[in-house]
Amino acid sequence: MQALGNTTRLQIYRTLVRAGHGGLPVAQVQARVDLPASTLSHHLKTLIQQGLLRQERRGTTLICHAEYPAMTALLGFLGDECCADEGCAVPLPEQQAE
């Protein structure tokens, strides 16, 4: 959560989530978020260290990918915590059918 608490990192992460499973080359991420290369590199490193992104090299191009299992786990955690202190957790769609 701390890594995504920074608005720039959240913008980068959102850009890569929206890109889909194919990811984006670093140069395209840089163009979309309009950051200097050194600043982008710093934020990418943080997101990678937190397990939210991964990178792969294709020839001379570095491709960034969102780690969807990490995103799903985060969404699950937030959903599980929804209204927990009120005792009125919002049922998931599959729970409503039961």
N, C-alpha and C. Protein backbone atom coordinates (compact mmCIF):
# COMPACT_ATOMS: atom_id res chain seq x y z
N MET A 1 0.82 -1.19 0.00
CA MET A 1 0.00 0.00 0.00
C MET A 1 0.87 1.26 0.00
N GLN A 2 1.97 1.22 0.72
CA GLN A 2 2.83 2.40 0.80
C GLN A 2 3.36 2.77 -0.59
N ALA A 3 3.73 1.78 -1.36
CA ALA A 3 4.27 2.06 -2.70
C ALA A 3 3.24 2.76 -3.57
N LEU A 4 1.98 2.39 -3.43
CA LEU A 4 0.93 3.00 -4.25
C LEU A 4 0.37 4.27 -3.63
N GLY A 5 0.84 4.61 -2.43
CA GLY A 5 0.42 5.86 -1.79
C GLY A 5 1.05 7.08 -2.44
N ASN A 6 2.07 6.87 -3.23
CA ASN A 6 2.72 7.95 -3.97
C ASN A 6 1.96 8.11 -5.29
N THR A 7 1.50 9.33 -5.58
CA THR A 7 0.66 9.54 -6.77
C THR A 7 1.37 9.19 -8.07
N THR A 8 2.67 9.44 -8.14
CA THR A 8 3.42 9.12 -9.36
C THR A 8 3.49 7.61 -9.55
N ARG A 9 3.78 6.87 -8.49
CA ARG A 9 3.84 5.40 -8.61
C ARG A 9 2.47 4.83 -8.92
N LEU A 10 1.43 5.40 -8.34
CA LEU A 10 0.08 4.94 -8.65
C LEU A 10 -0.23 5.16 -10.13
N GLN A 11 0.19 6.29 -10.68
CA GLN A 11 -0.01 6.58 -12.10
C GLN A 11 0.74 5.57 -12.97
N ILE A 12 1.96 5.27 -12.60
CA ILE A 12 2.76 4.28 -13.35
C ILE A 12 2.09 2.91 -13.28
N TYR A 13 1.70 2.52 -12.08
CA TYR A 13 1.06 1.21 -11.89
C TYR A 13 -0.24 1.12 -12.68
N ARG A 14 -1.04 2.16 -12.61
CA ARG A 14 -2.31 2.18 -13.35
C ARG A 14 -2.05 2.07 -14.85
N THR A 15 -1.04 2.76 -15.33
CA THR A 15 -0.68 2.70 -16.75
C THR A 15 -0.35 1.27 -17.17
N LEU A 16 0.39 0.56 -16.33
CA LEU A 16 0.78 -0.80 -16.67
C LEU A 16 -0.36 -1.80 -16.48
N VAL A 17 -1.22 -1.57 -15.52
CA VAL A 17 -2.41 -2.43 -15.37
C VAL A 17 -3.29 -2.29 -16.60
N ARG A 18 -3.48 -1.06 -17.05
CA ARG A 18 -4.31 -0.81 -18.23
C ARG A 18 -3.70 -1.39 -19.49
N ALA A 19 -2.37 -1.51 -19.54
CA ALA A 19 -1.68 -2.03 -20.72
C ALA A 19 -1.96 -3.51 -20.96
N GLY A 20 -2.32 -4.22 -19.92
CA GLY A 20 -2.62 -5.64 -20.06
C GLY A 20 -1.40 -6.52 -19.88
N HIS A 21 -1.58 -7.79 -20.18
CA HIS A 21 -0.54 -8.79 -19.92
C HIS A 21 0.70 -8.61 -20.78
N GLY A 22 0.59 -7.93 -21.91
CA GLY A 22 1.76 -7.71 -22.77
C GLY A 22 2.73 -6.69 -22.21
N GLY A 23 2.26 -5.87 -21.27
CA GLY A 23 3.13 -4.85 -20.67
C GLY A 23 3.45 -3.74 -21.65
N LEU A 24 4.39 -2.92 -21.25
CA LEU A 24 4.85 -1.80 -22.08
C LEU A 24 6.35 -1.64 -21.98
N PRO A 25 7.00 -1.27 -23.08
CA PRO A 25 8.41 -0.92 -22.99
C PRO A 25 8.58 0.31 -22.09
N VAL A 26 9.70 0.40 -21.42
CA VAL A 26 9.97 1.52 -20.52
C VAL A 26 9.77 2.85 -21.23
N ALA A 27 10.21 2.95 -22.47
CA ALA A 27 10.08 4.21 -23.21
C ALA A 27 8.62 4.63 -23.36
N GLN A 28 7.73 3.66 -23.56
CA GLN A 28 6.31 3.98 -23.68
C GLN A 28 5.71 4.38 -22.34
N VAL A 29 6.15 3.72 -21.27
CA VAL A 29 5.70 4.13 -19.94
C VAL A 29 6.14 5.56 -19.69
N GLN A 30 7.39 5.85 -20.01
CA GLN A 30 7.93 7.19 -19.81
C GLN A 30 7.11 8.23 -20.59
N ALA A 31 6.76 7.93 -21.81
CA ALA A 31 5.98 8.87 -22.63
C ALA A 31 4.58 9.07 -22.05
N ARG A 32 3.98 8.02 -21.54
CA ARG A 32 2.61 8.12 -21.01
C ARG A 32 2.54 8.85 -19.69
N VAL A 33 3.56 8.71 -18.86
CA VAL A 33 3.52 9.37 -17.55
C VAL A 33 4.33 10.66 -17.52
N ASP A 34 5.05 10.94 -18.60
CA ASP A 34 5.80 12.19 -18.76
C ASP A 34 6.74 12.47 -17.59
N LEU A 35 7.69 11.55 -17.41
CA LEU A 35 8.70 11.68 -16.35
C LEU A 35 10.09 11.57 -16.93
N PRO A 36 11.06 12.23 -16.32
CA PRO A 36 12.45 12.01 -16.73
C PRO A 36 12.83 10.54 -16.47
N ALA A 37 13.74 10.03 -17.27
CA ALA A 37 14.13 8.62 -17.17
C ALA A 37 14.62 8.25 -15.78
N SER A 38 15.40 9.10 -15.14
CA SER A 38 15.94 8.78 -13.82
C SER A 38 14.82 8.70 -12.77
N THR A 39 13.85 9.57 -12.86
CA THR A 39 12.72 9.57 -11.92
C THR A 39 11.87 8.32 -12.14
N LEU A 40 11.59 8.00 -13.39
CA LEU A 40 10.82 6.80 -13.70
C LEU A 40 11.54 5.56 -13.19
N SER A 41 12.83 5.48 -13.41
CA SER A 41 13.62 4.34 -12.96
C SER A 41 13.51 4.16 -11.44
N HIS A 42 13.58 5.24 -10.71
CA HIS A 42 13.46 5.20 -9.25
C HIS A 42 12.10 4.61 -8.84
N HIS A 43 11.04 5.09 -9.46
CA HIS A 43 9.70 4.62 -9.11
C HIS A 43 9.47 3.17 -9.55
N LEU A 44 9.98 2.80 -10.72
CA LEU A 44 9.86 1.42 -11.18
C LEU A 44 10.56 0.48 -10.21
N LYS A 45 11.74 0.87 -9.75
CA LYS A 45 12.50 0.04 -8.81
C LYS A 45 11.69 -0.21 -7.55
N THR A 46 11.05 0.82 -7.03
CA THR A 46 10.24 0.67 -5.82
C THR A 46 9.08 -0.29 -6.07
N LEU A 47 8.38 -0.14 -7.18
CA LEU A 47 7.24 -1.00 -7.49
C LEU A 47 7.67 -2.45 -7.71
N ILE A 48 8.84 -2.65 -8.30
CA ILE A 48 9.38 -4.00 -8.49
C ILE A 48 9.74 -4.61 -7.14
N GLN A 49 10.40 -3.84 -6.28
CA GLN A 49 10.77 -4.34 -4.95
C GLN A 49 9.55 -4.74 -4.13
N GLN A 50 8.44 -4.07 -4.35
CA GLN A 50 7.21 -4.38 -3.61
C GLN A 50 6.41 -5.51 -4.25
N GLY A 51 6.89 -6.03 -5.38
CA GLY A 51 6.24 -7.16 -6.04
C GLY A 51 5.03 -6.77 -6.89
N LEU A 52 4.89 -5.48 -7.19
CA LEU A 52 3.75 -5.03 -7.98
C LEU A 52 4.04 -5.03 -9.48
N LEU A 53 5.31 -4.97 -9.84
CA LEU A 53 5.73 -4.98 -11.24
C LEU A 53 6.87 -5.96 -11.43
N ARG A 54 7.06 -6.34 -12.68
CA ARG A 54 8.25 -7.11 -13.07
C ARG A 54 8.71 -6.57 -14.41
N GLN A 55 9.96 -6.83 -14.71
CA GLN A 55 10.51 -6.41 -16.00
C GLN A 55 11.13 -7.61 -16.68
N GLU A 56 11.07 -7.59 -18.01
CA GLU A 56 11.74 -8.62 -18.80
C GLU A 56 12.44 -7.94 -19.97
N ARG A 57 13.56 -8.49 -20.35
CA ARG A 57 14.32 -7.94 -21.46
C ARG A 57 13.98 -8.70 -22.72
N ARG A 58 13.65 -7.96 -23.77
CA ARG A 58 13.43 -8.53 -25.11
C ARG A 58 14.42 -7.83 -26.03
N GLY A 59 15.52 -8.50 -26.28
CA GLY A 59 16.58 -7.87 -27.07
C GLY A 59 17.13 -6.68 -26.32
N THR A 60 17.00 -5.50 -26.92
CA THR A 60 17.50 -4.29 -26.26
C THR A 60 16.38 -3.52 -25.54
N THR A 61 15.18 -4.08 -25.54
CA THR A 61 14.03 -3.40 -24.94
C THR A 61 13.68 -4.01 -23.60
N LEU A 62 13.43 -3.15 -22.62
CA LEU A 62 13.02 -3.58 -21.30
C LEU A 62 11.50 -3.37 -21.19
N ILE A 63 10.78 -4.48 -20.96
CA ILE A 63 9.32 -4.45 -20.91
C ILE A 63 8.88 -4.52 -19.44
N CYS A 64 7.96 -3.64 -19.07
CA CYS A 64 7.40 -3.62 -17.72
C CYS A 64 6.02 -4.26 -17.73
N HIS A 65 5.76 -5.08 -16.72
CA HIS A 65 4.47 -5.77 -16.59
C HIS A 65 3.93 -5.57 -15.18
N ALA A 66 2.63 -5.37 -15.08
CA ALA A 66 1.97 -5.39 -13.78
C ALA A 66 1.92 -6.84 -13.32
N GLU A 67 2.12 -7.06 -12.04
CA GLU A 67 1.99 -8.39 -11.46
C GLU A 67 0.54 -8.56 -11.01
N TYR A 68 -0.28 -9.15 -11.86
CA TYR A 68 -1.72 -9.27 -11.59
C TYR A 68 -2.05 -10.10 -10.35
N PRO A 69 -1.30 -11.17 -10.03
CA PRO A 69 -1.60 -11.88 -8.78
C PRO A 69 -1.46 -10.97 -7.55
N ALA A 70 -0.47 -10.09 -7.56
CA ALA A 70 -0.30 -9.15 -6.44
C ALA A 70 -1.47 -8.19 -6.38
N MET A 71 -1.93 -7.73 -7.54
CA MET A 71 -3.07 -6.82 -7.58
C MET A 71 -4.32 -7.52 -7.07
N THR A 72 -4.54 -8.75 -7.49
CA THR A 72 -5.70 -9.52 -7.05
C THR A 72 -5.68 -9.75 -5.54
N ALA A 73 -4.50 -10.04 -5.01
CA ALA A 73 -4.37 -10.23 -3.57
C ALA A 73 -4.69 -8.95 -2.81
N LEU A 74 -4.22 -7.83 -3.33
CA LEU A 74 -4.49 -6.54 -2.69
C LEU A 74 -5.99 -6.23 -2.72
N LEU A 75 -6.62 -6.45 -3.86
CA LEU A 75 -8.06 -6.22 -3.96
C LEU A 75 -8.84 -7.14 -3.04
N GLY A 76 -8.40 -8.38 -2.93
CA GLY A 76 -9.05 -9.32 -2.02
C GLY A 76 -8.92 -8.88 -0.58
N PHE A 77 -7.74 -8.42 -0.21
CA PHE A 77 -7.51 -7.92 1.15
C PHE A 77 -8.43 -6.74 1.45
N LEU A 78 -8.49 -5.80 0.52
CA LEU A 78 -9.34 -4.62 0.73
C LEU A 78 -10.81 -5.01 0.81
N GLY A 79 -11.24 -5.93 -0.03
CA GLY A 79 -12.62 -6.40 0.00
C GLY A 79 -12.95 -7.10 1.31
N ASP A 80 -12.03 -7.91 1.80
CA ASP A 80 -12.25 -8.62 3.06
C ASP A 80 -12.35 -7.66 4.23
N GLU A 81 -11.65 -6.54 4.15
CA GLU A 81 -11.64 -5.57 5.24
C GLU A 81 -12.81 -4.58 5.17
N CYS A 82 -13.52 -4.57 4.05
CA CYS A 82 -14.60 -3.62 3.85
C CYS A 82 -15.62 -3.70 4.97
N CYS A 83 -15.80 -2.62 5.67
CA CYS A 83 -16.83 -2.48 6.73
C CYS A 83 -16.67 -3.49 7.86
N ALA A 84 -15.50 -4.09 8.02
CA ALA A 84 -15.30 -5.13 9.03
C ALA A 84 -15.62 -4.63 10.44
N ASP A 85 -15.32 -3.40 10.74
CA ASP A 85 -15.59 -2.87 12.08
C ASP A 85 -17.07 -2.58 12.30
N GLU A 86 -17.84 -2.47 11.24
CA GLU A 86 -19.28 -2.24 11.37
C GLU A 86 -20.06 -3.55 11.43
N GLY A 87 -19.40 -4.64 11.09
CA GLY A 87 -20.08 -5.93 11.09
C GLY A 87 -21.07 -6.09 9.95
N CYS A 88 -20.88 -5.31 8.90
CA CYS A 88 -21.82 -5.39 7.77
C CYS A 88 -21.05 -5.51 6.46
N ALA A 89 -20.12 -6.42 6.43
CA ALA A 89 -19.29 -6.58 5.23
C ALA A 89 -20.17 -6.74 4.00
N VAL A 90 -19.76 -6.12 2.93
CA VAL A 90 -20.50 -6.19 1.67
C VAL A 90 -20.28 -7.57 1.06
N PRO A 91 -21.36 -8.34 0.80
CA PRO A 91 -21.17 -9.69 0.24
C PRO A 91 -20.68 -9.62 -1.20
N LEU A 92 -19.82 -10.56 -1.53
CA LEU A 92 -19.34 -10.68 -2.89
C LEU A 92 -20.47 -11.21 -3.76
N PRO A 93 -20.45 -10.94 -5.07
CA PRO A 93 -21.53 -11.40 -5.95
C PRO A 93 -21.83 -12.89 -5.82
N GLU A 94 -20.80 -13.74 -5.68
CA GLU A 94 -21.05 -15.18 -5.57
C GLU A 94 -21.70 -15.52 -4.24
N GLN A 95 -21.50 -14.70 -3.21
CA GLN A 95 -22.13 -14.93 -1.92
C GLN A 95 -23.60 -14.50 -1.93
N GLN A 96 -23.94 -13.54 -2.76
CA GLN A 96 -25.31 -13.05 -2.83
C GLN A 96 -26.25 -14.11 -3.42
N ALA A 97 -25.72 -14.96 -4.30
CA ALA A 97 -26.55 -15.97 -4.97
C ALA A 97 -26.91 -17.11 -4.03
N GLU A 98 -26.17 -17.26 -2.93
CA GLU A 98 -26.41 -18.38 -2.01
C GLU A 98 -27.65 -18.18 -1.18
